[in-house]
Every structure is written in C-alpha cells, then in structure tokens.
Amino acid sequence: MSSSHLMMSTRKDGSDDDASVLTKTRAKTQRPPLYKVLLLNDDYTPMEFVVHVLERFFGLSHAQAFEIMLTVHKKGLAVVGVFSFEVAETKVAQVMDFARRHQHPLQCTMEKE
C-alpha cells in the first residue's frame, strides 16, 4: 500500500473523513438562523427613492415596493425580507451604500428573526 493513500484518508486536521461527514449531516438538520432586513423611516429620503431601492435590491415589483414604502412611511419601519445572515448583511450594506452615494439618510438594518 502506498503512503499517498494514507495521506488522502486522513485530513490535515487529523480527523478522518467519516467523522466529518457525520458532523456535516448533523449540522444540516439545524436550520441556520434567519435575519429580517428592515427599512426605517426618515423625513428626508424621497418615497420614489425607497421604491427604487426595494425594486433594485430586493427584486420586488413596483406594486410590492410601493406597499412596503407606504408601510415604512406610516409605521416607521417595515420588514423587507428574511434571509440568511450573509445575504441579509449584503443587502443592508448595498442599500446603505446606495443611499449614501445618493446623499439620502435612509437606514437599513437587520435583526435575528
């Protein structure tokens, strides 16, 4: 038996493949935590801009985006969507960056569901 075969069955961290397969399977059954992405109302960001952001970054139709914008306007905030941590974090960053570049104080945050 060649020594290269032994190297392949033992991983660098010393664990063997069977153990890591079991761990992966167990991890899959637990749903990863989801995060709500929220838009917050302010007195300066134009409504059209909020609608545009919702269409562009959340793939909403004009009608859906308009509804959410009105909710933000009336209630002070609205949940725009629920995503995995990485996706939620990216969406928040994209919205905040886009708003800053257009000089709007629009706030977008995320919280665990």
N, C-alpha and C. Protein backbone atom coordinates (compact mmCIF):
# COMPACT_ATOMS: atom_id res chain seq x y z
N MET A 1 0.85 -1.19 0.00
CA MET A 1 0.00 0.00 0.00
C MET A 1 0.88 1.24 0.00
N SER A 2 0.58 2.19 -0.85
CA SER A 2 1.43 3.38 -0.92
C SER A 2 1.06 4.37 0.17
N SER A 3 2.04 5.17 0.57
CA SER A 3 1.79 6.12 1.65
C SER A 3 0.85 7.24 1.20
N SER A 4 0.74 7.50 -0.09
CA SER A 4 -0.16 8.56 -0.57
C SER A 4 -1.61 8.22 -0.27
N HIS A 5 -1.95 6.94 -0.27
CA HIS A 5 -3.33 6.54 0.05
C HIS A 5 -3.66 6.90 1.50
N LEU A 6 -2.74 6.68 2.40
CA LEU A 6 -2.95 7.02 3.80
C LEU A 6 -3.15 8.52 3.97
N MET A 7 -2.38 9.30 3.26
CA MET A 7 -2.48 10.76 3.35
C MET A 7 -3.87 11.22 2.94
N MET A 8 -4.44 10.58 1.94
CA MET A 8 -5.74 11.02 1.44
C MET A 8 -6.86 10.74 2.43
N SER A 9 -6.77 9.63 3.16
CA SER A 9 -7.88 9.28 4.03
C SER A 9 -7.85 10.08 5.35
N THR A 10 -6.70 10.63 5.70
CA THR A 10 -6.61 11.43 6.92
C THR A 10 -6.50 12.90 6.52
N ARG A 11 -7.36 13.71 7.05
CA ARG A 11 -7.34 15.12 6.70
C ARG A 11 -6.26 15.84 7.46
N LYS A 12 -5.95 17.07 7.01
CA LYS A 12 -4.87 17.84 7.61
C LYS A 12 -5.07 18.05 9.11
N ASP A 13 -6.30 18.20 9.54
CA ASP A 13 -6.55 18.47 10.95
C ASP A 13 -6.53 17.19 11.79
N GLY A 14 -6.23 16.05 11.14
CA GLY A 14 -6.10 14.81 11.88
C GLY A 14 -7.39 14.02 11.98
N SER A 15 -8.54 14.63 11.63
CA SER A 15 -9.79 13.88 11.70
C SER A 15 -9.93 13.05 10.44
N ASP A 16 -10.64 11.93 10.53
CA ASP A 16 -10.82 11.16 9.31
C ASP A 16 -12.14 11.55 8.66
N ASP A 17 -12.30 11.19 7.38
CA ASP A 17 -13.43 11.66 6.59
C ASP A 17 -14.79 11.24 7.16
N ASP A 18 -14.88 10.04 7.72
CA ASP A 18 -16.16 9.56 8.25
C ASP A 18 -16.72 10.50 9.31
N ALA A 19 -15.88 10.95 10.22
CA ALA A 19 -16.32 11.83 11.30
C ALA A 19 -16.83 13.15 10.74
N SER A 20 -16.13 13.70 9.74
CA SER A 20 -16.54 14.99 9.21
C SER A 20 -17.85 14.87 8.43
N VAL A 21 -18.09 13.75 7.80
CA VAL A 21 -19.35 13.53 7.08
C VAL A 21 -20.50 13.52 8.08
N LEU A 22 -20.32 12.83 9.19
CA LEU A 22 -21.36 12.79 10.24
C LEU A 22 -21.66 14.18 10.76
N THR A 23 -20.62 14.96 11.01
CA THR A 23 -20.80 16.31 11.54
C THR A 23 -21.58 17.17 10.56
N LYS A 24 -21.23 17.07 9.27
CA LYS A 24 -21.92 17.86 8.25
C LYS A 24 -23.40 17.52 8.20
N THR A 25 -23.72 16.22 8.24
CA THR A 25 -25.11 15.79 8.17
C THR A 25 -25.90 16.35 9.35
N ARG A 26 -25.30 16.29 10.54
CA ARG A 26 -25.97 16.78 11.74
C ARG A 26 -26.20 18.29 11.64
N ALA A 27 -25.24 19.00 11.12
CA ALA A 27 -25.34 20.46 11.01
C ALA A 27 -26.47 20.86 10.07
N LYS A 28 -26.70 20.07 9.03
CA LYS A 28 -27.72 20.41 8.04
C LYS A 28 -29.13 20.38 8.61
N THR A 29 -29.37 19.49 9.58
CA THR A 29 -30.73 19.36 10.11
C THR A 29 -31.13 20.60 10.92
N GLN A 30 -30.16 21.32 11.46
CA GLN A 30 -30.47 22.56 12.17
C GLN A 30 -30.58 23.68 11.16
N ARG A 31 -31.73 24.37 11.13
CA ARG A 31 -31.86 25.47 10.18
C ARG A 31 -30.98 26.62 10.63
N PRO A 32 -30.26 27.22 9.67
CA PRO A 32 -29.44 28.37 10.06
C PRO A 32 -30.37 29.50 10.49
N PRO A 33 -29.93 30.33 11.43
CA PRO A 33 -30.81 31.42 11.85
C PRO A 33 -31.09 32.37 10.70
N LEU A 34 -32.30 32.88 10.64
CA LEU A 34 -32.68 33.82 9.59
C LEU A 34 -32.73 35.23 10.15
N TYR A 35 -32.52 36.20 9.28
CA TYR A 35 -32.48 37.60 9.70
C TYR A 35 -33.46 38.43 8.88
N LYS A 36 -34.19 39.27 9.61
CA LYS A 36 -35.12 40.19 8.95
C LYS A 36 -34.33 41.43 8.54
N VAL A 37 -34.57 41.88 7.32
CA VAL A 37 -33.98 43.14 6.87
C VAL A 37 -35.08 44.20 6.98
N LEU A 38 -34.76 45.29 7.69
CA LEU A 38 -35.75 46.34 7.95
C LEU A 38 -35.34 47.66 7.31
N LEU A 39 -36.33 48.36 6.80
CA LEU A 39 -36.10 49.73 6.33
C LEU A 39 -36.75 50.66 7.35
N LEU A 40 -36.04 51.72 7.70
CA LEU A 40 -36.55 52.66 8.70
C LEU A 40 -36.95 53.98 8.04
N ASN A 41 -37.99 54.58 8.56
CA ASN A 41 -38.48 55.84 8.01
C ASN A 41 -37.59 57.01 8.42
N ASP A 42 -37.49 57.99 7.54
CA ASP A 42 -36.88 59.28 7.89
C ASP A 42 -37.66 60.36 7.15
N ASP A 43 -37.40 61.60 7.51
CA ASP A 43 -38.20 62.69 6.91
C ASP A 43 -37.58 63.27 5.64
N TYR A 44 -36.50 62.65 5.15
CA TYR A 44 -35.78 63.26 4.04
C TYR A 44 -35.69 62.42 2.77
N THR A 45 -35.60 61.11 2.93
CA THR A 45 -35.46 60.25 1.75
C THR A 45 -36.76 60.26 0.94
N PRO A 46 -36.67 60.59 -0.36
CA PRO A 46 -37.89 60.61 -1.18
C PRO A 46 -38.53 59.23 -1.31
N MET A 47 -39.85 59.20 -1.34
CA MET A 47 -40.58 57.94 -1.46
C MET A 47 -40.17 57.18 -2.72
N GLU A 48 -39.95 57.91 -3.83
CA GLU A 48 -39.57 57.26 -5.09
C GLU A 48 -38.24 56.53 -4.94
N PHE A 49 -37.34 57.12 -4.15
CA PHE A 49 -36.03 56.51 -3.94
C PHE A 49 -36.18 55.19 -3.19
N VAL A 50 -37.03 55.18 -2.18
CA VAL A 50 -37.27 53.97 -1.39
C VAL A 50 -37.86 52.88 -2.29
N VAL A 51 -38.81 53.24 -3.13
CA VAL A 51 -39.42 52.28 -4.06
C VAL A 51 -38.34 51.72 -4.99
N HIS A 52 -37.49 52.59 -5.49
CA HIS A 52 -36.41 52.17 -6.39
C HIS A 52 -35.46 51.18 -5.70
N VAL A 53 -35.10 51.48 -4.46
CA VAL A 53 -34.22 50.61 -3.67
C VAL A 53 -34.86 49.23 -3.51
N LEU A 54 -36.14 49.20 -3.19
CA LEU A 54 -36.85 47.93 -2.97
C LEU A 54 -36.91 47.10 -4.26
N GLU A 55 -37.12 47.76 -5.38
CA GLU A 55 -37.16 47.05 -6.66
C GLU A 55 -35.77 46.54 -7.01
N ARG A 56 -34.78 47.40 -6.85
CA ARG A 56 -33.41 47.08 -7.29
C ARG A 56 -32.73 46.01 -6.43
N PHE A 57 -32.81 46.15 -5.11
CA PHE A 57 -32.05 45.24 -4.24
C PHE A 57 -32.85 44.07 -3.69
N PHE A 58 -34.18 44.15 -3.78
CA PHE A 58 -34.99 43.06 -3.23
C PHE A 58 -35.87 42.39 -4.28
N GLY A 59 -35.72 42.84 -5.53
CA GLY A 59 -36.43 42.20 -6.64
C GLY A 59 -37.94 42.28 -6.55
N LEU A 60 -38.43 43.33 -5.91
CA LEU A 60 -39.88 43.47 -5.76
C LEU A 60 -40.49 44.14 -6.99
N SER A 61 -41.75 43.85 -7.23
CA SER A 61 -42.47 44.53 -8.30
C SER A 61 -42.73 45.97 -7.83
N HIS A 62 -43.11 46.83 -8.75
CA HIS A 62 -43.38 48.22 -8.39
C HIS A 62 -44.50 48.29 -7.34
N ALA A 63 -45.55 47.48 -7.53
CA ALA A 63 -46.68 47.48 -6.60
C ALA A 63 -46.25 47.01 -5.20
N GLN A 64 -45.46 45.94 -5.13
CA GLN A 64 -44.97 45.44 -3.83
C GLN A 64 -44.09 46.49 -3.15
N ALA A 65 -43.20 47.08 -3.94
CA ALA A 65 -42.27 48.08 -3.40
C ALA A 65 -43.04 49.29 -2.88
N PHE A 66 -44.07 49.69 -3.61
CA PHE A 66 -44.89 50.84 -3.20
C PHE A 66 -45.59 50.55 -1.87
N GLU A 67 -46.13 49.33 -1.73
CA GLU A 67 -46.81 48.92 -0.49
C GLU A 67 -45.86 49.00 0.71
N ILE A 68 -44.66 48.43 0.55
CA ILE A 68 -43.69 48.43 1.65
C ILE A 68 -43.25 49.84 1.98
N MET A 69 -43.04 50.65 0.95
CA MET A 69 -42.65 52.06 1.17
C MET A 69 -43.72 52.76 2.00
N LEU A 70 -45.00 52.52 1.69
CA LEU A 70 -46.09 53.15 2.45
C LEU A 70 -46.09 52.66 3.90
N THR A 71 -45.81 51.37 4.10
CA THR A 71 -45.74 50.82 5.45
C THR A 71 -44.63 51.51 6.24
N VAL A 72 -43.46 51.66 5.62
CA VAL A 72 -42.33 52.35 6.27
C VAL A 72 -42.76 53.77 6.62
N HIS A 73 -43.40 54.43 5.68
CA HIS A 73 -43.83 55.82 5.86
C HIS A 73 -44.83 55.95 7.01
N LYS A 74 -45.81 55.04 7.08
CA LYS A 74 -46.86 55.12 8.10
C LYS A 74 -46.44 54.58 9.46
N LYS A 75 -45.72 53.47 9.46
CA LYS A 75 -45.42 52.78 10.73
C LYS A 75 -44.01 53.05 11.25
N GLY A 76 -43.18 53.67 10.43
CA GLY A 76 -41.82 53.96 10.89
C GLY A 76 -40.78 52.94 10.45
N LEU A 77 -41.25 51.74 10.15
CA LEU A 77 -40.34 50.72 9.63
C LEU A 77 -41.13 49.60 9.01
N ALA A 78 -40.46 48.76 8.24
CA ALA A 78 -41.10 47.58 7.64
C ALA A 78 -40.04 46.53 7.39
N VAL A 79 -40.47 45.26 7.50
CA VAL A 79 -39.59 44.15 7.14
C VAL A 79 -39.64 44.02 5.62
N VAL A 80 -38.47 44.03 5.02
CA VAL A 80 -38.38 43.97 3.56
C VAL A 80 -38.21 42.54 3.08
N GLY A 81 -37.60 41.72 3.93
CA GLY A 81 -37.40 40.32 3.56
C GLY A 81 -36.69 39.59 4.69
N VAL A 82 -36.64 38.27 4.57
CA VAL A 82 -35.97 37.44 5.57
C VAL A 82 -34.95 36.57 4.84
N PHE A 83 -33.71 36.63 5.31
CA PHE A 83 -32.61 35.99 4.60
C PHE A 83 -31.64 35.32 5.56
N SER A 84 -30.71 34.56 5.00
CA SER A 84 -29.60 34.03 5.81
C SER A 84 -28.75 35.22 6.23
N PHE A 85 -27.89 35.02 7.22
CA PHE A 85 -27.07 36.12 7.75
C PHE A 85 -26.27 36.81 6.64
N GLU A 86 -25.59 36.01 5.81
CA GLU A 86 -24.72 36.59 4.77
C GLU A 86 -25.52 37.43 3.78
N VAL A 87 -26.67 36.91 3.35
CA VAL A 87 -27.49 37.62 2.37
C VAL A 87 -28.04 38.90 3.00
N ALA A 88 -28.55 38.80 4.22
CA ALA A 88 -29.10 39.98 4.91
C ALA A 88 -28.03 41.05 5.06
N GLU A 89 -26.84 40.64 5.49
CA GLU A 89 -25.73 41.57 5.68
C GLU A 89 -25.37 42.28 4.38
N THR A 90 -25.34 41.53 3.29
CA THR A 90 -25.02 42.08 1.97
C THR A 90 -26.09 43.08 1.53
N LYS A 91 -27.35 42.73 1.70
CA LYS A 91 -28.45 43.62 1.30
C LYS A 91 -28.39 44.94 2.09
N VAL A 92 -28.18 44.85 3.40
CA VAL A 92 -28.08 46.04 4.24
C VAL A 92 -26.94 46.93 3.74
N ALA A 93 -25.79 46.32 3.48
CA ALA A 93 -24.62 47.08 3.01
C ALA A 93 -24.90 47.73 1.66
N GLN A 94 -25.53 47.01 0.75
CA GLN A 94 -25.85 47.54 -0.58
C GLN A 94 -26.79 48.74 -0.48
N VAL A 95 -27.84 48.59 0.33
CA VAL A 95 -28.83 49.67 0.48
C VAL A 95 -28.19 50.90 1.10
N MET A 96 -27.42 50.68 2.18
CA MET A 96 -26.78 51.81 2.87
C MET A 96 -25.80 52.54 1.95
N ASP A 97 -25.02 51.77 1.22
CA ASP A 97 -24.04 52.34 0.31
C ASP A 97 -24.73 53.14 -0.80
N PHE A 98 -25.77 52.55 -1.37
CA PHE A 98 -26.52 53.19 -2.44
C PHE A 98 -27.16 54.49 -1.95
N ALA A 99 -27.75 54.46 -0.76
CA ALA A 99 -28.39 55.65 -0.18
C ALA A 99 -27.35 56.74 0.07
N ARG A 100 -26.19 56.37 0.63
CA ARG A 100 -25.14 57.37 0.90
C ARG A 100 -24.67 58.03 -0.40
N ARG A 101 -24.49 57.18 -1.43
CA ARG A 101 -24.00 57.73 -2.71
C ARG A 101 -24.99 58.70 -3.32
N HIS A 102 -26.27 58.53 -2.99
CA HIS A 102 -27.29 59.45 -3.48
C HIS A 102 -27.64 60.50 -2.41
N GLN A 103 -26.84 60.53 -1.36
CA GLN A 103 -26.98 61.52 -0.28
C GLN A 103 -28.35 61.51 0.40
N HIS A 104 -28.84 60.29 0.64
CA HIS A 104 -30.08 60.12 1.40
C HIS A 104 -29.75 59.45 2.73
N PRO A 105 -30.43 59.85 3.80
CA PRO A 105 -30.14 59.26 5.13
C PRO A 105 -30.87 57.94 5.39
N LEU A 106 -31.37 57.30 4.36
CA LEU A 106 -32.13 56.04 4.51
C LEU A 106 -31.34 55.05 5.38
N GLN A 107 -32.04 54.46 6.35
CA GLN A 107 -31.43 53.46 7.23
C GLN A 107 -32.00 52.09 6.94
N CYS A 108 -31.10 51.12 6.86
CA CYS A 108 -31.49 49.74 6.63
C CYS A 108 -30.75 48.91 7.67
N THR A 109 -31.48 48.07 8.41
CA THR A 109 -30.84 47.27 9.47
C THR A 109 -31.31 45.82 9.36
N MET A 110 -30.69 44.98 10.17
CA MET A 110 -31.12 43.58 10.21
C MET A 110 -31.21 43.13 11.66
N GLU A 111 -32.11 42.19 11.91
CA GLU A 111 -32.19 41.62 13.26
C GLU A 111 -32.59 40.16 13.12
N LYS A 112 -32.17 39.37 14.10
CA LYS A 112 -32.46 37.94 14.08
C LYS A 112 -33.96 37.72 14.16
N GLU A 113 -34.44 36.79 13.37
CA GLU A 113 -35.88 36.53 13.34
C GLU A 113 -36.35 35.88 14.62
